[in-house]
Each structure stands twice: as C-alpha cells, then as structure tokens.
Protein backbone atom coordinates (compact mmCIF):
# COMPACT_ATOMS: atom_id res chain seq x y z
CA MET A 1 117.86 115.65 89.56
CA ASN A 2 120.72 113.78 87.92
CA ARG A 3 120.96 110.04 87.94
CA ARG A 4 124.05 109.98 90.18
CA PHE A 5 122.15 111.86 92.88
CA LEU A 6 119.42 109.23 92.55
CA LEU A 7 122.01 106.51 93.05
CA ILE A 8 123.30 108.12 96.24
CA ALA A 9 119.80 108.60 97.60
CA LEU A 10 118.69 105.04 96.82
CA LEU A 11 121.92 103.46 98.07
CA ALA A 12 121.34 105.14 101.41
CA LEU A 13 118.11 103.18 101.70
CA ILE A 14 119.93 99.85 101.43
CA LEU A 15 121.16 100.31 105.03
CA THR A 16 117.59 99.92 106.24
CA PHE A 17 116.83 96.88 104.09
CA ALA A 18 118.22 94.25 106.48
CA ALA A 19 115.51 95.05 109.00
CA ALA A 20 112.88 95.33 106.33
CA CYS A 21 113.23 92.06 104.39
CA GLY A 22 111.85 89.48 106.78
CA GLY A 23 109.19 88.26 104.39
CA ALA A 24 105.44 88.11 104.54
CA ALA A 25 102.76 85.51 104.72
CA THR A 26 100.26 83.45 102.74
CA GLU A 27 97.11 84.58 101.07
CA PRO A 28 93.66 83.12 101.76
CA GLU A 29 90.33 84.45 100.51
CA VAL A 30 89.13 87.85 101.57
CA GLU A 31 85.83 89.50 102.27
CA GLU A 32 85.34 93.16 102.85
CA SER A 33 84.33 94.03 106.39
CA GLU A 34 82.02 96.84 107.37
CA PRO A 35 84.05 100.06 107.47
CA VAL A 36 84.64 101.69 110.81
CA ALA A 37 85.69 105.16 109.77
CA SER A 38 82.83 107.41 108.80
CA THR A 39 82.22 108.36 105.20
CA THR A 40 79.78 110.79 103.65
CA THR A 41 79.04 109.75 100.07
CA GLU A 42 77.13 106.95 98.36
CA GLU A 43 80.20 106.37 96.19
CA GLU A 44 82.14 105.29 99.27
CA ALA A 45 79.48 102.71 100.13
CA ASP A 46 79.70 101.42 96.57
CA GLU A 47 83.46 101.11 96.93
CA GLU A 48 83.15 98.86 99.92
CA GLU A 49 80.85 96.53 98.01
CA MET A 50 83.21 96.47 95.04
CA ALA A 51 86.16 95.77 97.33
CA GLU A 52 84.74 92.32 98.09
CA GLU A 53 87.00 91.01 95.37
CA GLU A 54 89.60 88.83 96.87
CA PRO A 55 93.05 90.37 97.31
CA VAL A 56 96.56 89.27 98.03
CA GLU A 57 96.88 88.01 101.57
CA GLU A 58 99.68 87.14 103.92
CA GLU A 59 100.30 83.91 105.84
CA MET A 60 97.48 82.78 108.05
CA VAL A 61 98.41 82.87 111.70
CA GLU A 62 96.29 81.01 114.20
CA GLU A 63 95.21 83.08 117.16
CA GLU A 64 95.09 81.52 120.58
CA VAL A 65 92.28 83.03 122.55
CA ALA A 66 92.62 82.75 126.27
CA GLU A 67 89.56 81.36 127.99
CA GLU A 68 88.18 83.81 130.47
CA PRO A 69 87.69 82.39 133.96
CA ALA A 70 84.21 82.50 135.41
CA GLU A 71 83.63 85.54 137.53
CA GLU A 72 83.07 85.06 141.22
CA PRO A 73 80.07 86.75 142.78
CA THR A 74 81.03 90.15 144.04
CA GLU A 75 79.59 93.55 144.63
CA GLU A 76 78.46 95.40 141.53
CA PRO A 77 81.40 97.56 140.42
CA VAL A 78 81.19 101.29 140.35
CA GLU A 79 81.47 102.63 136.81
CA GLU A 80 83.95 105.40 136.15
CA PRO A 81 82.90 106.84 132.79
CA ALA A 82 84.80 110.06 133.25
CA GLU A 83 88.18 108.34 133.23
CA GLU A 84 87.09 106.01 130.42
CA MET A 85 86.08 108.93 128.22
CA ALA A 86 89.05 111.11 129.06
CA ASP A 87 91.23 109.62 126.32
CA GLU A 88 88.56 109.37 123.64
CA ALA A 89 88.73 111.75 120.69
CA SER A 90 86.11 114.48 120.43
CA GLY A 91 85.60 117.72 118.56
CA ASP A 92 85.53 118.32 114.83
CA PRO A 93 86.85 115.33 112.83
CA VAL A 94 90.12 115.64 110.91
CA PRO A 95 89.47 114.61 107.27
CA ILE A 96 91.90 112.25 105.53
CA GLY A 97 91.38 111.07 101.93
CA VAL A 98 91.83 107.51 100.67
CA LEU A 99 92.15 107.07 96.89
CA LEU A 100 92.51 103.43 95.86
CA PRO A 101 91.00 101.34 93.04
CA ALA A 102 87.99 99.25 94.06
CA THR A 103 87.18 98.46 90.42
CA GLY A 104 89.21 97.91 87.28
CA PRO A 105 92.20 95.63 86.68
CA VAL A 106 93.63 96.11 90.19
CA GLY A 107 90.38 96.38 92.16
CA TRP A 108 91.81 93.97 94.73
CA VAL A 109 94.03 96.80 96.03
CA ALA A 110 91.05 98.36 97.83
CA ASP A 111 91.00 95.38 100.18
CA ALA A 112 93.80 97.15 102.06
CA ILE A 113 91.24 99.75 103.21
CA PRO A 114 90.24 97.80 106.37
CA ALA A 115 93.85 98.21 107.55
CA ILE A 116 93.48 101.98 107.19
CA GLU A 117 90.23 101.78 109.15
CA LEU A 118 92.00 99.76 111.85
CA ALA A 119 94.64 102.48 112.10
CA VAL A 120 91.89 105.07 112.45
CA GLU A 121 90.36 103.03 115.28
CA ASP A 122 93.71 102.89 117.05
CA ILE A 123 94.32 106.61 116.58
CA ASN A 124 90.88 107.65 117.79
CA ALA A 125 91.01 105.26 120.75
CA ALA A 126 94.23 107.00 121.81
CA GLY A 127 92.53 110.39 121.79
CA GLY A 128 92.86 111.31 118.12
CA VAL A 129 95.14 114.11 116.95
CA HIS A 130 95.10 117.08 119.29
CA GLY A 131 91.97 115.53 120.78
CA ARG A 132 90.12 115.37 117.45
CA PRO A 133 89.04 112.11 115.76
CA ILE A 134 90.22 111.07 112.31
CA GLU A 135 87.55 110.70 109.63
CA ILE A 136 88.35 109.12 106.27
CA PHE A 137 86.77 109.85 102.90
CA ILE A 138 87.14 107.16 100.24
CA GLU A 139 87.08 107.47 96.45
CA ASP A 140 87.52 104.77 93.80
CA SER A 141 90.38 105.65 91.45
CA GLU A 142 89.29 102.79 89.12
CA ALA A 143 92.99 102.63 88.11
CA VAL A 144 92.05 105.26 85.48
CA ALA A 145 93.49 108.78 85.37
CA ALA A 146 90.14 110.56 84.88
CA ALA A 147 88.50 108.81 87.83
CA ALA A 148 91.56 109.33 90.04
CA ILE A 149 91.65 113.05 89.23
CA ALA A 150 87.91 113.41 89.87
CA GLY A 151 88.09 111.56 93.17
CA ALA A 152 91.15 113.44 94.36
CA THR A 153 89.67 116.80 93.38
CA LYS A 154 86.48 116.06 95.31
CA MET A 155 88.34 115.07 98.47
CA LEU A 156 90.78 117.97 98.25
CA ASP A 157 88.26 120.71 97.46
CA VAL A 158 84.96 119.49 98.90
CA ASN A 159 85.98 117.31 101.82
CA GLU A 160 89.08 119.48 102.40
CA VAL A 161 91.23 116.55 103.42
CA VAL A 162 94.54 117.40 105.09
CA ALA A 163 96.37 114.41 103.53
CA LEU A 164 95.74 111.81 100.83
CA ILE A 165 96.57 108.10 101.06
CA GLY A 166 97.03 106.49 97.63
CA PRO A 167 96.72 105.92 94.72
CA THR A 168 98.53 103.15 92.79
CA SER A 169 101.29 103.33 90.19
CA LEU A 170 98.69 103.49 87.42
CA THR A 171 97.34 106.91 88.41
CA ILE A 172 99.65 108.52 90.96
CA ARG A 173 101.37 110.82 88.47
CA SER A 174 97.96 112.09 87.31
CA VAL A 175 97.14 113.17 90.85
CA MET A 176 100.52 114.65 91.75
CA PRO A 177 99.85 118.12 90.24
CA LEU A 178 96.66 118.41 92.31
CA VAL A 179 98.36 117.80 95.65
CA GLN A 180 101.32 119.97 94.72
CA GLU A 181 99.09 122.92 93.79
CA ARG A 182 97.17 122.62 97.07
CA GLY A 183 100.12 121.84 99.33
CA VAL A 184 98.79 118.47 100.47
CA ALA A 185 100.84 115.39 101.34
CA GLU A 186 100.12 112.32 99.22
CA ILE A 187 101.34 108.99 100.61
CA SER A 188 100.93 105.87 98.49
CA PRO A 189 101.06 102.46 100.17
CA THR A 190 101.07 100.67 96.80
CA ALA A 191 102.87 102.66 94.07
CA GLY A 192 106.15 100.91 93.38
CA THR A 193 106.68 102.45 89.93
CA THR A 194 110.25 103.51 89.27
CA ALA A 195 108.84 106.68 87.68
CA LEU A 196 108.55 108.04 91.23
CA ASP A 197 112.16 107.32 92.15
CA THR A 198 113.17 110.95 91.59
CA LEU A 199 109.80 112.74 91.56
CA GLY A 200 108.66 112.71 95.18
CA GLY A 201 109.96 114.00 98.46
CA GLU A 202 108.19 117.35 98.89
CA TYR A 203 104.51 116.45 98.65
CA VAL A 204 104.62 112.84 97.41
CA PHE A 205 105.76 109.91 99.56
CA ARG A 206 105.25 106.16 99.63
CA THR A 207 105.34 103.46 102.28
CA VAL A 208 106.19 100.67 99.83
CA SER A 209 109.58 100.31 98.19
CA SER A 210 110.34 101.05 94.55
CA ASP A 211 110.05 98.32 91.94
CA THR A 212 113.84 98.56 91.78
CA VAL A 213 113.93 96.42 94.93
CA MET A 214 111.25 93.95 93.81
CA GLY A 215 112.69 93.55 90.31
CA THR A 216 116.18 92.95 91.69
CA GLY A 217 114.76 90.39 94.11
CA MET A 218 113.00 88.58 91.26
CA ALA A 219 116.18 88.34 89.18
CA TRP A 220 118.25 87.24 92.17
CA PHE A 221 115.69 84.56 93.09
CA ALA A 222 115.57 83.23 89.53
CA LYS A 223 119.32 82.75 89.40
CA ASN A 224 120.16 81.72 92.94
CA GLU A 225 117.10 79.77 94.03
CA LEU A 226 115.75 78.47 90.72
CA GLY A 227 119.09 77.99 88.96
CA ALA A 228 118.02 79.93 85.85
CA GLU A 229 120.45 80.78 83.06
CA LYS A 230 118.03 81.78 80.28
CA VAL A 231 115.04 84.00 81.05
CA ALA A 232 112.20 85.70 79.20
CA LEU A 233 109.95 88.69 79.91
CA PHE A 234 106.16 88.70 79.40
CA PHE A 235 104.63 92.00 80.50
CA ALA A 236 101.47 93.99 79.76
CA ASP A 237 101.53 97.42 78.16
CA THR A 238 100.96 99.27 81.47
CA GLU A 239 103.10 101.63 83.51
CA SER A 240 103.28 99.16 86.38
CA ALA A 241 104.50 96.36 84.11
CA ALA A 242 106.94 98.65 82.31
CA SER A 243 108.40 99.72 85.65
CA VAL A 244 109.22 96.19 86.80
CA GLY A 245 110.28 95.08 83.33
CA GLY A 246 112.80 97.89 83.09
CA VAL A 247 114.41 96.89 86.38
CA LEU A 248 114.51 93.25 85.34
CA ARG A 249 116.38 94.06 82.13
CA THR A 250 119.08 95.75 84.18
CA ALA A 251 119.15 93.20 87.00
CA THR A 252 119.42 90.22 84.65
CA GLU A 253 122.35 91.89 82.93
CA VAL A 254 124.07 92.43 86.27
CA LEU A 255 123.54 88.78 87.21
CA GLY A 256 124.62 87.42 83.84
CA LEU A 257 121.23 85.98 82.90
CA GLU A 258 120.48 85.75 79.18
CA ILE A 259 117.18 87.25 78.03
CA VAL A 260 115.98 85.03 75.18
CA ALA A 261 112.58 86.69 74.65
CA ASP A 262 110.99 90.02 75.60
CA VAL A 263 107.26 90.13 74.80
CA THR A 264 104.68 92.84 75.48
CA TYR A 265 101.00 91.93 75.40
CA VAL A 266 97.71 93.86 75.62
CA GLU A 267 95.45 93.35 78.64
CA GLY A 268 91.94 92.13 77.91
CA ALA A 269 92.62 90.22 74.68
CA SER A 270 90.76 86.98 73.94
CA SER A 271 93.86 85.12 72.77
CA TYR A 272 97.54 85.25 73.65
CA ARG A 273 98.64 82.15 71.77
CA SER A 274 101.05 83.91 69.42
CA GLU A 275 102.64 85.87 72.30
CA LEU A 276 102.95 82.70 74.39
CA ILE A 277 104.62 80.81 71.56
CA GLU A 278 107.03 83.71 71.07
CA VAL A 279 108.00 84.00 74.74
CA SER A 280 108.52 80.23 75.02
CA ALA A 281 110.30 79.67 71.70
CA ASN A 282 113.83 79.49 73.10
CA SER A 283 112.96 77.38 76.15
CA PRO A 284 113.66 79.92 78.92
CA ASP A 285 114.25 78.49 82.38
CA VAL A 286 112.19 81.28 83.97
CA ILE A 287 109.58 83.60 82.48
CA PHE A 288 109.15 86.88 84.38
CA PHE A 289 105.64 88.27 84.02
CA GLU A 290 102.90 90.54 85.30
CA GLY A 291 99.20 90.26 84.55
CA GLY A 292 95.82 90.96 86.10
CA PRO A 293 93.47 88.10 87.07
CA ASP A 294 91.33 88.19 83.92
CA SER A 295 94.15 88.26 81.38
CA SER A 296 96.18 85.77 83.39
CA ALA A 297 93.25 83.33 83.41
CA VAL A 298 93.22 83.45 79.62
CA PHE A 299 96.93 83.13 78.93
CA PHE A 300 97.64 80.45 81.55
CA ALA A 301 94.81 78.31 80.18
CA GLN A 302 96.17 78.78 76.67
CA LYS A 303 99.74 78.14 77.82
CA ASN A 304 98.67 74.75 79.14
CA GLU A 305 96.65 73.99 76.00
CA LEU A 306 99.78 74.65 73.94
CA GLY A 307 101.86 72.43 76.22
CA LEU A 308 104.36 75.20 76.98
CA GLY A 309 106.69 74.79 79.92
CA GLY A 310 109.00 77.01 81.91
CA THR A 311 108.77 78.36 85.42
CA TRP A 312 106.67 81.53 85.65
CA LEU A 313 107.80 84.09 88.22
CA GLY A 314 105.51 87.06 88.81
CA THR A 315 105.21 90.31 90.74
CA ASP A 316 102.75 91.46 93.40
CA PHE A 317 100.01 90.82 90.82
CA VAL A 318 100.29 87.14 91.75
CA ASN A 319 97.67 87.29 94.47
CA ASP A 320 94.54 85.58 95.71
CA PRO A 321 92.32 86.85 92.84
CA PHE A 322 95.04 85.62 90.46
CA ALA A 323 95.01 82.16 92.08
CA GLU A 324 91.21 81.98 91.94
CA ALA A 325 91.03 83.20 88.33
CA THR A 326 93.71 80.86 87.00
CA GLY A 327 92.53 77.81 88.96
CA ASP A 328 94.47 74.64 88.21
CA THR A 329 96.38 76.33 85.40
CA GLY A 330 98.05 78.64 87.94
CA GLU A 331 99.37 75.82 90.08
CA GLY A 332 103.11 76.19 90.66
CA VAL A 333 103.28 79.84 89.60
CA MET A 334 105.79 81.73 91.74
CA ALA A 335 106.29 85.38 92.64
CA VAL A 336 108.54 87.77 94.53
CA ASN A 337 106.85 90.79 96.06
CA PRO A 338 106.76 93.22 98.99
CA ALA A 339 105.35 91.87 102.24
CA PRO A 340 105.55 92.59 105.97
CA GLU A 341 108.13 91.07 108.24
CA LEU A 342 106.97 88.04 110.18
CA SER A 343 107.33 89.07 113.81
CA ASP A 344 105.41 88.84 117.07
CA ARG A 345 104.25 92.39 116.49
CA PHE A 346 102.94 91.56 113.03
CA VAL A 347 101.23 88.38 114.25
CA GLU A 348 99.38 90.33 116.94
CA TRP A 349 98.36 93.02 114.44
CA GLN A 350 97.28 90.39 111.90
CA GLY A 351 95.02 88.85 114.52
CA ARG A 352 93.31 92.17 115.12
CA LEU A 353 92.89 92.80 111.39
CA GLU A 354 91.48 89.32 110.84
CA GLU A 355 89.03 89.83 113.70
CA LYS A 356 87.92 93.12 112.15
CA ARG A 357 87.48 91.62 108.69
CA GLY A 358 86.01 88.32 109.88
CA VAL A 359 88.33 86.22 107.71
CA GLU A 360 91.88 84.96 107.96
CA GLY A 361 94.76 86.53 106.11
CA VAL A 362 96.08 89.99 105.33
CA PRO A 363 95.38 91.62 101.94
CA ALA A 364 98.29 93.00 99.94
CA PHE A 365 99.64 96.39 101.00
CA SER A 366 97.62 96.35 104.24
CA ALA A 367 100.64 96.90 106.47
CA ASN A 368 101.87 99.67 104.17
CA ALA A 369 98.44 101.32 104.31
CA TYR A 370 98.30 101.07 108.10
CA ASP A 371 101.77 102.66 108.33
CA ALA A 372 100.74 105.51 106.02
CA MET A 373 97.80 106.45 108.24
CA VAL A 374 99.83 106.26 111.45
CA ILE A 375 102.59 108.44 109.98
CA VAL A 376 100.06 111.07 108.89
CA ALA A 377 98.47 111.08 112.36
CA LEU A 378 101.83 111.38 114.13
CA ALA A 379 102.79 114.24 111.82
CA LEU A 380 99.56 116.03 112.72
CA GLU A 381 100.12 115.38 116.42
CA ALA A 382 103.63 116.81 116.14
CA SER A 383 102.34 120.01 114.55
CA GLU A 384 101.13 123.03 116.50
CA GLU A 385 97.90 123.17 114.52
CA VAL A 386 95.97 120.49 112.66
CA GLY A 387 96.22 121.21 108.94
CA ARG A 388 97.89 120.45 105.64
CA GLU A 389 101.01 122.42 106.49
CA GLY A 390 101.52 120.41 109.67
CA VAL A 391 101.55 117.12 107.80
CA ILE A 392 104.10 118.34 105.26
CA ALA A 393 106.32 119.89 107.93
CA ASN A 394 106.43 116.84 110.20
CA LEU A 395 106.23 113.70 108.04
CA ARG A 396 109.98 113.15 107.97
CA GLU A 397 110.38 114.21 111.60
CA VAL A 398 108.12 111.44 112.90
CA ALA A 399 109.09 108.77 110.34
CA ASN A 400 112.85 109.24 110.16
CA GLY A 401 113.70 110.61 113.58
CA PRO A 402 116.00 111.32 115.23
CA GLY A 403 113.93 110.32 118.19
CA GLU A 404 112.75 107.45 120.33
CA MET A 405 111.57 104.49 118.25
CA VAL A 406 107.82 103.88 118.51
CA THR A 407 105.67 101.20 116.89
CA ASN A 408 102.19 102.63 117.40
CA PHE A 409 100.34 105.93 117.50
CA ALA A 410 99.48 105.86 121.22
CA ASP A 411 103.13 105.62 122.32
CA GLY A 412 104.17 108.25 119.79
CA LYS A 413 101.44 110.61 120.95
CA ALA A 414 102.51 110.23 124.57
CA MET A 415 106.16 110.93 123.74
CA LEU A 416 105.30 113.96 121.65
CA ALA A 417 103.15 115.29 124.51
CA SER A 418 106.15 115.01 126.83
CA GLY A 419 108.34 116.95 124.40
CA GLN A 420 110.26 113.97 123.01
CA ALA A 421 110.99 113.36 119.33
CA VAL A 422 109.78 110.08 117.81
CA ASP A 423 110.90 107.69 115.07
CA TYR A 424 108.04 105.50 113.83
CA ASP A 425 109.11 101.96 112.95
CA GLY A 426 106.44 100.55 110.65
CA LEU A 427 104.86 97.14 110.24
CA ALA A 428 106.01 96.99 106.61
CA GLY A 429 109.53 98.28 107.35
CA ALA A 430 111.49 101.10 108.91
CA GLN A 431 109.60 103.73 106.85
CA ASP A 432 112.56 106.10 106.68
CA PHE A 433 111.97 108.45 103.74
CA ASN A 434 114.91 109.38 101.52
CA ASP A 435 115.17 112.71 99.68
CA PHE A 436 112.57 111.54 97.16
CA GLY A 437 110.05 110.22 99.70
CA ASP A 438 111.03 106.59 99.06
CA VAL A 439 111.50 103.75 101.55
CA ILE A 440 112.66 100.14 101.47
CA THR A 441 110.26 97.48 102.72
CA ALA A 442 110.44 93.70 103.03
CA LEU A 443 110.31 91.01 100.29
CA ARG A 444 109.14 87.42 100.20
CA ALA A 445 108.86 84.61 97.63
CA VAL A 446 105.58 82.75 97.19
CA GLU A 447 104.20 79.83 95.20
CA ILE A 448 100.63 78.83 94.37
CA GLN A 449 100.06 75.45 95.97
CA GLY A 450 96.61 73.91 96.09
CA GLY A 451 95.02 77.12 94.88
CA THR A 452 96.49 79.38 97.56
CA LEU A 453 99.70 81.38 97.99
CA ASN A 454 102.33 80.00 100.31
CA ARG A 455 105.48 81.81 101.32
CA THR A 456 108.52 79.77 100.37
CA ALA A 457 111.38 82.12 101.20
CA SER A 458 112.40 85.46 102.65
CA ILE A 459 114.73 87.63 100.60
CA THR A 460 117.07 89.65 102.77
CA GLN A 461 119.68 92.38 102.47
CA GLY A 462 122.32 89.71 102.78
CA ASP A 463 120.86 88.02 99.71
CA ILE A 464 120.39 90.90 97.28
CA GLY A 465 122.36 93.81 98.76
CA ASP A 466 125.35 93.58 96.42
CA THR A 467 123.16 93.00 93.38
CA LEU A 468 120.89 95.90 94.29
CA GLN A 469 123.87 98.21 94.58
CA GLN A 470 125.11 97.20 91.12
CA VAL A 471 121.62 97.62 89.65
CA LEU A 472 121.36 101.13 91.09
CA GLU A 473 124.79 102.04 89.75
CA LYS A 474 123.86 100.79 86.28
CA ILE A 475 120.52 102.64 86.32
CA SER A 476 122.27 105.87 87.31
CA GLN A 477 124.49 105.58 84.24
CA GLN A 478 121.63 105.04 81.77
C-alpha cells in the first residue's frame, strides 16, 4: 500500500475522534481477581498469579449502593427456574484465545484480563453466541517473540480458538503469520505501534488507536499546555518506543518545536548517567520518554542525584507500576495516553469491574480489551455458524455498521435475532475499523501526584485535529 492511501485511510478516522477523546481516569493499585472464564492449563493459573503486578488504572469513581429496604413478611415465592435458565448459555463452549504479557517488561498489561472475563460473563449471561458459552484460553506472551509464537500456536492448534485477543506491539508482528495462515482474526487491545498502520485489515485488527494519535497528542500538549519551545527525546531501543518516537519527530516539526537532544538507551542497564546528561545538556523544556518500571526507577533516581531538571512527559508506560517503582523521584512526571471516555456508561461499567476485581480503579487497556471480546462475540452471533470464518466475515459489519447503535452484547444479540444490523459503540471509542483494521480511541493527560496518577486534562479532536492531519500528511510523504 502506498503512503498516500495510508493518509486517506487514517484521515477518515479523524471524523470519529471527537466522540472518542473524552479522557480517562486515575490509576490506583491493582490486584488480580479470580478469573471467571474457564481455562484448562496450569500455565494460565500461573499467568493470573503473575498478573498481580500493579497496572495503569483509570480515575476512581465512588459507587453509591442503594440500601435495600427490609422485606415485609409474605408468602414464600414460587421459583420459576425454567424462565431463569432460558437465557443462559449451554452446549459446547466457544474457545477464544487471550495472548497478553503477564511477565517481562510490560507484565502489567495482563491486568486488563479481568475486563475480558467481565465481557465473557456478560456474553454468557445473555445466552452466549448461538446459545453456546464463551470459554477463554490464556497464554503469557512474556513480551518475547518466541513465547508469543508458542502461546499462539498452542491456542490455535490445540485449543482451536476461533479468534485471538492480543498481543502487544512488542510481539504482534511475530504472531501475524500464524493467524493469517490459519484464517483467524487477531484483535489487539494494546498494540499502538505504527508498524501496523498499513499491515492489518484482513486478519489483524486493534481496538486501541495507533501511536500516531498518542504521539501527536503528546507534542500538542507539550506546546499548548506546557508552553514548550525546546524538547528532547529519551526512548528505549524497543519497537514500542521507536514507534512513538518516530511520530514525535514528525509532530514536533509540524508544531515548530526544536528537538535539542535525541537519546536512545538500553533497558535493564545499571546506570543511565551519561544518557541523562546528554538528554539534559541543552536545557529542554520538555523531555519526551518511554521506559518500563525497572529502568525508570533507575534513571529517575539518577536524574535527581545529578540535579537535572526539565518536565518529563511519557507515554502509556507511565502507569501505576511506574509510580510505585519510581517513588518520590517520579513525582510530577506527566504523560499523554489512550484512555476511555468519562461517561455515565463508563462509570457504571467501572463499578462492575471494580466489584469483580475487589479494588478500585481500571487497569490500562481494560476498556479496549472488553470491546475486543464483545466485537468478537457479536461477529459470531451475526454469522450463520460459529467458527473462524464467521468472525472474519462479520467483524466490520458489527463494529462499523451500518446498523442500529448498540453498547452491549445483549442488545446487539437481540437486534441480530430480529434481523436488524448493529453498530457497536465501544467503551474505549467508536471502534470503527478503517481499511487497515485501525480505530481512533480517546486520550487523556495525567500527572503523578502523591504517588498516584491523576487525570489533568482531556485531549479532544478540537485540540489536535489540525495537527494530526498535518502529521499524517507529512508521514505519507516520507
């Protein structure tokens, strides 16, 4: 595909961005809850233990619980189990694979799995797909190609999953040949890498927007909210970091920001003093960066020891594990990243997720993961037979429309049963796939205050729309 076709496809997504950029929430500590969906391997149990690392979370929302009035004495009610059970799923389970890292540098991503389990609960409570319950199989990608390939192969060939949710930017291209060979849909709720901008659309989709949107938002925020004129880049030697860094180089040029340093570092080193001195040498107003919790703990401690200043503005790697790892040295660090819209619908859903997990807050990518599962289930429900082909054939039909807008599986299932087309409007955004399987989801700005993330701003289409268009035009010409 040529770059101008990419421009046209990505520009079309901007029209959906106004509804998708309402912002997200804050991020308290997270514990892993007991999984609801059934699994069949010891490795999956191990994953859930490993996923107790604390992830990115959205703003805490207090739930008001209505006090139930005391019941008046009355005759013992007659139970009606037949009607109760009529809508419950039965029959052979429909296998869906989940491939996310529970260990490694981005192990916090697996804390989005409870949201997938919540979606499965909702789907099965509504009667499942064609009357059959969803069953998920989980494998740890470890954020390493070999582990991701092994896990995907097992789920595709042994568990015979009909769709795969995941993995992240670090391993998604390693898994793509496997799903393409087997004709299976792969939907990532986390992979923002720009490497996918022109690679998906037939078998590969994502329910989170490209790093093109996040990187543009970061540059816009630095200039317009932080008043930056000189900036620097400090990114690890990973695909995820390279993806965002590439967008930032273009976006800063569009906005007239001067890059005074561009430093690449190696994750896991014991010292970053020379790199920190280099990135700070010309006194940048803002330093764009990305780093995992362990490396960030080292270089923020050393930054403070060296007495280096500047405002540090990160990506979606600025999360709860990051705040815990950096401690006092991370105070004041800012970030711009994808997050759900704050709405009554989201607040209600957040309350249910918090109740399931037993702690407040929503881990990063949870809404995107929930949306991915619902879209797969609706695609299966829209197909004549449950299978891999049905998912591929109907993903766009149920996500993009045309059809009646629905916000949950139960309503979509009912409409499909009555012969109506549906258009699923997700928690994380409209979830309208372009030709390459990409969507645009919401953005927010956060700052670490008192050891936790607090949302400080929403970044909307009105804010970055013009800049995003110019960035896309410039990328298409490169």
